[in-house]
Protein backbone atom coordinates (compact mmCIF):
# COMPACT_ATOMS: atom_id res chain seq x y z
CA MET A 1 90.55 93.91 8.78
CA GLN A 2 90.49 94.84 12.44
CA GLN A 3 87.67 93.20 14.37
CA VAL A 4 85.50 95.57 16.36
CA ILE A 5 82.83 94.87 18.99
CA SER A 6 80.81 97.90 20.05
CA VAL A 7 78.17 97.71 22.74
CA TRP A 8 75.83 100.31 24.18
CA VAL A 9 73.51 100.19 27.17
CA ARG A 10 70.80 102.79 26.79
CA ASP A 11 67.09 103.64 26.85
CA PRO A 12 66.12 102.73 30.44
CA ARG A 13 62.43 102.01 30.80
CA ILE A 14 60.26 101.35 33.82
CA GLN A 15 58.29 98.12 33.42
CA LYS A 16 55.32 97.68 35.74
CA ASN A 17 54.08 94.27 36.79
CA ASP A 18 51.25 95.73 38.82
CA PHE A 19 50.49 98.80 40.91
CA TRP A 20 53.12 97.95 43.55
CA HIS A 21 55.89 96.17 41.65
CA ALA A 22 58.07 97.64 38.93
CA TYR A 23 61.60 97.39 37.60
CA ILE A 24 63.87 99.08 35.07
CA ASP A 25 65.25 97.36 32.01
CA TYR A 26 67.84 98.62 29.55
CA GLU A 27 68.40 98.20 25.84
CA ILE A 28 71.66 96.48 24.90
CA CYS A 29 72.75 97.23 21.34
CA LEU A 30 75.67 95.39 19.78
CA HIS A 31 77.42 96.16 16.48
CA THR A 32 80.36 94.02 15.41
CA ASN A 33 82.32 92.55 12.54
CA SER A 34 83.87 89.90 14.77
CA VAL A 35 83.86 86.29 13.63
CA CYS A 36 82.86 85.38 17.19
CA PHE A 37 79.32 86.60 16.46
CA THR A 38 77.06 85.12 13.81
CA LYS A 39 74.75 88.11 14.07
CA LYS A 40 76.46 91.45 13.50
CA ILE A 41 73.78 93.82 14.76
CA SER A 42 71.35 93.14 17.58
CA CYS A 43 69.30 94.81 20.30
CA VAL A 44 67.76 93.20 23.38
CA ARG A 45 66.42 94.42 26.71
CA ARG A 46 67.78 93.20 30.04
CA ARG A 47 67.26 94.13 33.67
CA PHE A 48 69.83 94.53 36.41
CA SER A 49 69.10 91.16 38.01
CA GLU A 50 69.92 89.48 34.69
CA PHE A 51 73.30 91.22 34.64
CA VAL A 52 73.91 89.82 38.12
CA TRP A 53 73.03 86.34 36.83
CA LEU A 54 75.34 86.76 33.82
CA ARG A 55 78.33 87.67 35.95
CA GLN A 56 77.77 84.71 38.26
CA LYS A 57 77.34 82.36 35.30
CA LEU A 58 80.46 83.56 33.49
CA GLN A 59 82.48 83.29 36.68
CA ALA A 60 81.33 79.71 37.22
CA ASN A 61 81.85 78.69 33.59
CA SER A 62 85.36 80.13 33.50
CA MET A 63 86.24 78.04 36.58
CA LEU A 64 87.74 81.13 38.26
CA MET A 65 90.37 81.42 35.51
CA VAL A 66 89.17 84.95 34.76
CA GLN A 67 88.78 87.89 37.09
CA LEU A 68 85.48 89.37 36.00
CA PRO A 69 84.84 93.11 36.19
CA GLU A 70 82.48 94.36 38.84
CA LEU A 71 78.92 95.46 38.26
CA PRO A 72 77.75 98.87 39.47
CA PRO A 73 77.38 98.71 43.25
CA LYS A 74 73.95 98.32 44.70
CA ASN A 75 72.50 101.42 46.25
CA PRO A 76 70.04 100.94 49.14
CA PHE A 77 68.58 104.33 48.22
CA PHE A 78 68.26 103.62 44.51
CA SER A 79 65.16 105.30 43.09
CA MET A 80 63.49 104.74 39.75
CA ASN A 81 62.62 108.43 39.75
CA ASN A 82 66.24 109.56 40.10
CA ALA A 83 67.61 110.18 36.61
CA GLN A 84 71.19 110.59 37.82
CA GLN A 85 71.21 107.25 39.64
CA ILE A 86 69.75 105.49 36.62
CA SER A 87 72.31 107.11 34.31
CA GLU A 88 75.22 106.11 36.58
CA ARG A 89 74.01 102.52 36.75
CA MET A 90 73.52 102.40 33.00
CA LYS A 91 77.09 103.63 32.39
CA GLY A 92 78.39 101.03 34.86
CA LEU A 93 76.56 98.25 33.04
CA GLN A 94 78.03 99.35 29.72
CA LYS A 95 81.57 99.40 31.13
CA PHE A 96 80.98 95.92 32.54
CA LEU A 97 79.99 94.57 29.12
CA GLU A 98 82.83 96.38 27.35
CA LYS A 99 85.39 94.70 29.60
CA ILE A 100 83.69 91.31 29.24
CA LEU A 101 83.86 91.53 25.45
CA LEU A 102 87.63 92.10 25.53
CA ASN A 103 88.25 88.63 26.95
CA PRO A 104 88.61 85.81 24.35
CA LEU A 105 87.75 83.12 26.89
CA LEU A 106 84.47 84.78 27.84
CA LEU A 107 83.63 85.39 24.18
CA SER A 108 83.45 81.62 23.71
CA ASP A 109 80.69 81.29 26.33
CA SER A 110 77.28 80.54 24.81
CA CYS A 111 75.51 82.13 27.77
CA LEU A 112 77.09 85.48 26.92
CA HIS A 113 75.94 85.29 23.30
CA LEU A 114 72.40 84.34 24.29
CA PHE A 115 72.31 87.12 26.89
CA LEU A 116 73.40 89.72 24.34
CA GLN A 117 71.60 88.49 21.24
CA SER A 118 68.48 86.52 22.14
CA GLN A 119 65.12 87.12 23.77
CA LEU A 120 65.47 84.08 26.01
CA ILE A 121 64.91 84.33 29.73
CA VAL A 122 67.79 83.14 31.89
CA SER A 123 66.44 79.66 32.61
CA LYS A 124 66.05 79.11 28.85
CA ILE A 125 69.55 80.49 28.27
CA GLU A 126 70.96 77.89 30.67
CA ALA A 127 68.95 75.10 29.04
CA CYS A 128 69.90 76.13 25.51
CA ALA A 129 73.60 76.51 26.34
CA ALA A 130 73.54 73.03 27.91
CA GLY A 131 71.88 71.51 24.83
CA ARG A 132 68.59 70.78 26.62
CA THR A 133 66.37 72.54 24.08
CA HIS A 134 65.26 71.47 20.63
CA TYR A 135 66.67 74.71 19.18
CA SER A 136 70.33 75.64 19.02
CA VAL A 137 72.19 78.72 20.25
CA ALA A 138 72.48 79.93 16.63
CA GLN A 139 68.72 79.55 16.08
CA ALA A 140 67.92 81.50 19.25
CA VAL A 141 70.29 84.28 18.19
CA GLN A 142 68.94 84.44 14.63
CA CYS A 143 65.40 84.85 15.95
CA CYS A 144 66.40 87.84 18.07
CA GLY A 145 64.04 90.72 17.31
CA HIS A 146 61.07 88.46 16.59
CA ARG A 147 58.25 88.87 19.04
CA ARG A 148 58.10 85.14 19.66
CA LEU A 149 60.32 82.29 18.55
CA LYS A 150 58.44 79.74 16.49
CA PHE A 151 60.15 76.86 18.27
CA ASP A 152 58.51 77.10 21.68
CA VAL A 153 60.44 79.78 23.55
CA ASP A 154 58.77 80.58 26.85
CA SER A 155 57.57 84.18 26.79
CA GLN A 156 56.52 84.12 30.42
CA THR A 157 58.59 85.82 33.08
CA ASP A 158 61.27 83.62 34.55
CA VAL A 159 60.31 82.66 38.10
CA SER A 160 63.99 82.64 39.12
CA MET A 161 64.17 86.33 38.14
CA SER A 162 60.86 87.25 39.79
CA CYS A 163 62.62 89.06 42.63
CA ASP A 164 63.45 92.51 41.35
CA SER A 165 66.96 93.66 42.18
CA ASP A 166 66.67 96.77 40.00
CA SER A 167 65.22 98.68 42.90
CA ASP A 168 67.43 96.84 45.41
CA ARG A 169 64.29 95.91 47.32
CA TYR A 170 63.82 92.41 45.94
CA GLN A 171 60.10 92.80 45.46
CA CYS A 172 58.76 89.41 44.45
CA ARG A 173 55.97 88.87 41.99
CA ASP A 174 53.38 86.20 42.57
CA ALA A 175 53.46 83.55 39.83
CA GLU A 176 50.90 81.28 41.49
CA PRO A 177 47.65 82.76 40.08
CA GLN A 178 48.80 82.19 36.49
CA MET A 179 49.81 78.61 37.25
CA THR A 180 46.45 78.03 38.96
CA ASP A 181 44.57 79.40 35.96
CA LEU A 182 46.48 77.08 33.62
CA ALA A 183 45.63 74.09 35.81
CA THR A 184 41.96 75.13 35.92
CA ASN A 185 41.80 75.52 32.15
CA LYS A 186 43.41 72.12 31.67
CA THR A 187 40.86 70.51 34.01
CA GLU A 188 37.96 72.19 32.23
CA SER A 189 39.28 71.09 28.84
CA THR A 190 39.62 67.49 30.04
CA ALA A 191 36.08 67.52 31.44
CA SER A 192 34.77 68.90 28.15
CA LEU A 193 36.51 66.16 26.19
CA ASP A 194 35.14 63.49 28.54
CA PHE A 195 31.63 64.87 28.09
CA MET A 196 31.95 64.87 24.31
CA GLY A 197 33.26 61.30 24.39
CA SER A 198 30.30 60.15 26.54
CA SER A 199 27.83 61.84 24.21
CA GLN A 200 29.31 60.13 21.18
CA GLU A 201 29.12 56.72 22.90
CA GLU A 202 25.46 57.31 23.77
CA ASN A 203 24.68 58.25 20.17
CA LEU A 204 26.39 55.12 18.84
CA SER A 205 24.47 53.00 21.37
CA CYS A 206 21.16 54.51 20.31
CA SER A 207 21.98 53.93 16.63
CA SER A 208 22.78 50.26 17.30
CA SER A 209 19.53 49.76 19.22
CA SER A 210 17.46 51.30 16.44
CA THR A 211 18.95 48.96 13.86
């Protein structure tokens, strides 16, 4: 039976981080009967900056043995309100993936499979592909479509991707407030535990004195 790999890039959506910062992501749907893929049907959403990362990663992993296809060129006047520009970029991204999937060497790259068939952010993709996570590539792929992986997949936005290249303006999101809140909560929790521990010691001391 002939092996077929079909991929579509579609359904562009504007995702807003706040009033000033937004980006577009696209749905990547893959249907295949290829033995190279453990999952035959999948859909994930990726943004343009992640495509840029993928191309750089595949180029590095192939040790320049493969001439990778080009991504759609950046447009300094790219607008999220311009349907024609979005459509042209979307078609360019699909052609990029179609050419990638024709290369047997690139098909063996775990980063490509995780990009196409997992919900992992790029830093987690790199860690998983390098064997630095307690879940495997196959596990990450099989959990694609679940809202959250049960084995501790970070659902937060990847700081390395916080500069938006969808709009070609590289608008950076501030990750500091969230980190500060986490630190504050941890401090408050520690203080609460210390207080509870002190109260228990006092109670034990009072009980001993009364006896």
